[in-house]
Every structure is written in C-alpha cells, then in structure tokens.
Amino acid sequence: MHTILFYDFADDYLTQRAPYRAEHLALVHAAFERGEVALAGALADPADGALLVFRGTSPETAEAFAKADPYVIHGLVTAWRTRRWNTVVGDGASMP
C-alpha cells in the first residue's frame, strides 16, 4: 500500500516558487533517500497541483512532510490531502 499526498497550488504558484524551490526539492530528495517517497512531481497543463507517492500504510509520514514543506508554509499550496492507495501492479506495488 502507498499513500498519495495531493497538493493544490495557488494561481501564482509558478511565479512565486523561486525563493522556496531549493528547500522544497531538498525536502523531497531527503524523503526519497530515506525510502519514504516513491515518486513525486507537479501536474502539467495546467500546473495547478502535484502528487507525491509515499510508501507505507500510514498517512502520517506524508502529513508530516506537508506540514514541513515551505510551499505549504508560505501559501503556495492552498490545500493538501492524503489518501491511501492499494497498489496492485507495477514496480513497488504491494497487493493488500
């Protein structure tokens, strides 16, 4: 099982992210290196959100990530939510 962290971006996200981007990416890379994040990236066309896929059954890791993310802290993310995801097929899938 995985947990998906969904981000909704502010309308001016692309023009406002520069001061926080390096810190945000460092947070994502650190979570990946710890084995917590499997995949992460922004949605395109339009760039109005992002998805981060966390390994494990508990949403607590994803929630802690969001609370520490400078994009969330500084209002570039207008809303976030987690959802457990039963993965069945693919690299890293874990059938329930």
C-alpha atoms as a PDB file:
ATOM      1  CA  MET A   1       0.000   0.000   0.000  1.00  0.00           C
ATOM      2  CA  HIS A   2       1.019   3.581  -0.608  1.00  0.00           C
ATOM      3  CA  THR A   3      -0.222   6.997   0.454  1.00  0.00           C
ATOM      4  CA  ILE A   4      -0.706   9.770  -2.076  1.00  0.00           C
ATOM      5  CA  LEU A   5      -0.205  13.374  -0.986  1.00  0.00           C
ATOM      6  CA  PHE A   6      -2.238  15.692  -3.211  1.00  0.00           C
ATOM      7  CA  TYR A   7      -1.317  19.393  -3.472  1.00  0.00           C
ATOM      8  CA  ASP A   8      -3.476  22.170  -4.909  1.00  0.00           C
ATOM      9  CA  PHE A   9      -1.389  25.164  -5.991  1.00  0.00           C
ATOM     10  CA  ALA A  10      -2.159  28.859  -5.728  1.00  0.00           C
ATOM     11  CA  ASP A  11      -2.866  30.578  -9.038  1.00  0.00           C
ATOM     12  CA  ASP A  12       0.506  32.373  -8.927  1.00  0.00           C
ATOM     13  CA  TYR A  13       2.486  29.290  -7.867  1.00  0.00           C
ATOM     14  CA  LEU A  14       4.865  29.342 -10.839  1.00  0.00           C
ATOM     15  CA  THR A  15       5.833  32.978 -10.299  1.00  0.00           C
ATOM     16  CA  GLN A  16       6.123  32.685  -6.500  1.00  0.00           C
ATOM     17  CA  ARG A  17       8.009  29.402  -6.030  1.00  0.00           C
ATOM     18  CA  ALA A  18      11.595  30.554  -6.709  1.00  0.00           C
ATOM     19  CA  PRO A  19      12.519  31.582  -3.120  1.00  0.00           C
ATOM     20  CA  TYR A  20      11.299  28.213  -1.755  1.00  0.00           C
ATOM     21  CA  ARG A  21      12.129  25.796  -4.566  1.00  0.00           C
ATOM     22  CA  ALA A  22      15.580  24.668  -3.387  1.00  0.00           C
ATOM     23  CA  GLU A  23      14.319  23.979   0.138  1.00  0.00           C
ATOM     24  CA  HIS A  24      11.249  22.152  -1.201  1.00  0.00           C
ATOM     25  CA  LEU A  25      13.342  19.980  -3.527  1.00  0.00           C
ATOM     26  CA  ALA A  26      15.829  19.216  -0.740  1.00  0.00           C
ATOM     27  CA  LEU A  27      12.903  18.031   1.420  1.00  0.00           C
ATOM     28  CA  VAL A  28      11.617  15.796  -1.397  1.00  0.00           C
ATOM     29  CA  HIS A  29      15.066  14.362  -2.145  1.00  0.00           C
ATOM     30  CA  ALA A  30      15.711  13.657   1.551  1.00  0.00           C
ATOM     31  CA  ALA A  31      12.374  11.811   1.824  1.00  0.00           C
ATOM     32  CA  PHE A  32      13.267   9.812  -1.290  1.00  0.00           C
ATOM     33  CA  GLU A  33      16.708   8.922   0.087  1.00  0.00           C
ATOM     34  CA  ARG A  34      15.063   7.690   3.322  1.00  0.00           C
ATOM     35  CA  GLY A  35      12.825   5.438   1.213  1.00  0.00           C
ATOM     36  CA  GLU A  36       9.641   7.311   2.107  1.00  0.00           C
ATOM     37  CA  VAL A  37       8.830   8.783  -1.320  1.00  0.00           C
ATOM     38  CA  ALA A  38       8.477   6.557  -4.359  1.00  0.00           C
ATOM     39  CA  LEU A  39       7.517   9.227  -6.907  1.00  0.00           C
ATOM     40  CA  ALA A  40       6.842  12.950  -6.795  1.00  0.00           C
ATOM     41  CA  GLY A  41       6.112  15.674  -9.284  1.00  0.00           C
ATOM     42  CA  ALA A  42       3.980  18.593 -10.343  1.00  0.00           C
ATOM     43  CA  LEU A  43       0.983  18.253 -12.614  1.00  0.00           C
ATOM     44  CA  ALA A  44       1.256  19.898 -16.026  1.00  0.00           C
ATOM     45  CA  ASP A  45      -1.072  21.707 -18.401  1.00  0.00           C
ATOM     46  CA  PRO A  46      -2.173  23.363 -16.186  1.00  0.00           C
ATOM     47  CA  ALA A  47       0.427  23.473 -13.406  1.00  0.00           C
ATOM     48  CA  ASP A  48      -2.215  23.547 -10.692  1.00  0.00           C
ATOM     49  CA  GLY A  49      -1.095  20.795  -8.333  1.00  0.00           C
ATOM     50  CA  ALA A  50       1.278  17.984  -7.502  1.00  0.00           C
ATOM     51  CA  LEU A  51       1.268  14.361  -6.385  1.00  0.00           C
ATOM     52  CA  LEU A  52       3.735  12.704  -4.055  1.00  0.00           C
ATOM     53  CA  VAL A  53       3.534   8.935  -3.606  1.00  0.00           C
ATOM     54  CA  PHE A  54       4.704   7.705  -0.201  1.00  0.00           C
ATOM     55  CA  ARG A  55       5.458   4.102   0.668  1.00  0.00           C
ATOM     56  CA  GLY A  56       3.619   2.514   3.565  1.00  0.00           C
ATOM     57  CA  THR A  57       0.177   2.132   5.031  1.00  0.00           C
ATOM     58  CA  SER A  58       0.124   5.144   7.336  1.00  0.00           C
ATOM     59  CA  PRO A  59      -0.538   8.672   6.059  1.00  0.00           C
ATOM     60  CA  GLU A  60       1.447  10.153   8.979  1.00  0.00           C
ATOM     61  CA  THR A  61       4.710  10.410   7.015  1.00  0.00           C
ATOM     62  CA  ALA A  62       3.011  12.236   4.139  1.00  0.00           C
ATOM     63  CA  GLU A  63       1.185  14.545   6.560  1.00  0.00           C
ATOM     64  CA  ALA A  64       4.422  15.406   8.381  1.00  0.00           C
ATOM     65  CA  PHE A  65       6.064  16.113   5.024  1.00  0.00           C
ATOM     66  CA  ALA A  66       3.291  18.523   4.025  1.00  0.00           C
ATOM     67  CA  LYS A  67       3.423  20.374   7.349  1.00  0.00           C
ATOM     68  CA  ALA A  68       7.190  20.919   6.905  1.00  0.00           C
ATOM     69  CA  ASP A  69       7.092  21.853   3.205  1.00  0.00           C
ATOM     70  CA  PRO A  70       7.939  25.514   2.510  1.00  0.00           C
ATOM     71  CA  TYR A  71       5.403  25.513  -0.322  1.00  0.00           C
ATOM     72  CA  VAL A  72       2.686  24.765   2.243  1.00  0.00           C
ATOM     73  CA  ILE A  73       4.109  27.049   4.927  1.00  0.00           C
ATOM     74  CA  HIS A  74       4.313  30.028   2.559  1.00  0.00           C
ATOM     75  CA  GLY A  75       0.896  29.554   0.934  1.00  0.00           C
ATOM     76  CA  LEU A  76       1.909  28.270  -2.500  1.00  0.00           C
ATOM     77  CA  VAL A  77      -0.097  25.144  -1.685  1.00  0.00           C
ATOM     78  CA  THR A  78      -3.663  26.234  -0.978  1.00  0.00           C
ATOM     79  CA  ALA A  79      -4.885  22.788   0.098  1.00  0.00           C
ATOM     80  CA  TRP A  80      -3.430  19.341   0.628  1.00  0.00           C
ATOM     81  CA  ARG A  81      -4.845  15.944   1.467  1.00  0.00           C
ATOM     82  CA  THR A  82      -3.692  12.363   1.757  1.00  0.00           C
ATOM     83  CA  ARG A  83      -5.308   9.206   0.535  1.00  0.00           C
ATOM     84  CA  ARG A  84      -4.301   5.583   0.960  1.00  0.00           C
ATOM     85  CA  TRP A  85      -3.762   3.769  -2.324  1.00  0.00           C
ATOM     86  CA  ASN A  86      -3.935  -0.011  -2.777  1.00  0.00           C
ATOM     87  CA  THR A  87      -1.247  -0.699  -5.363  1.00  0.00           C
ATOM     88  CA  VAL A  88      -1.613  -3.984  -7.213  1.00  0.00           C
ATOM     89  CA  VAL A  89       0.539  -3.891 -10.373  1.00  0.00           C
ATOM     90  CA  GLY A  90       3.849  -2.205 -11.140  1.00  0.00           C
ATOM     91  CA  ASP A  91       7.276  -1.589  -9.617  1.00  0.00           C
ATOM     92  CA  GLY A  92       6.877  -1.381  -5.862  1.00  0.00           C
ATOM     93  CA  ALA A  93       3.225  -2.431  -5.841  1.00  0.00           C
ATOM     94  CA  SER A  94       2.148  -4.139  -2.661  1.00  0.00           C
ATOM     95  CA  MET A  95      -1.016  -6.152  -3.001  1.00  0.00           C
ATOM     96  CA  PRO A  96      -3.169  -5.890   0.146  1.00  0.00           C
END
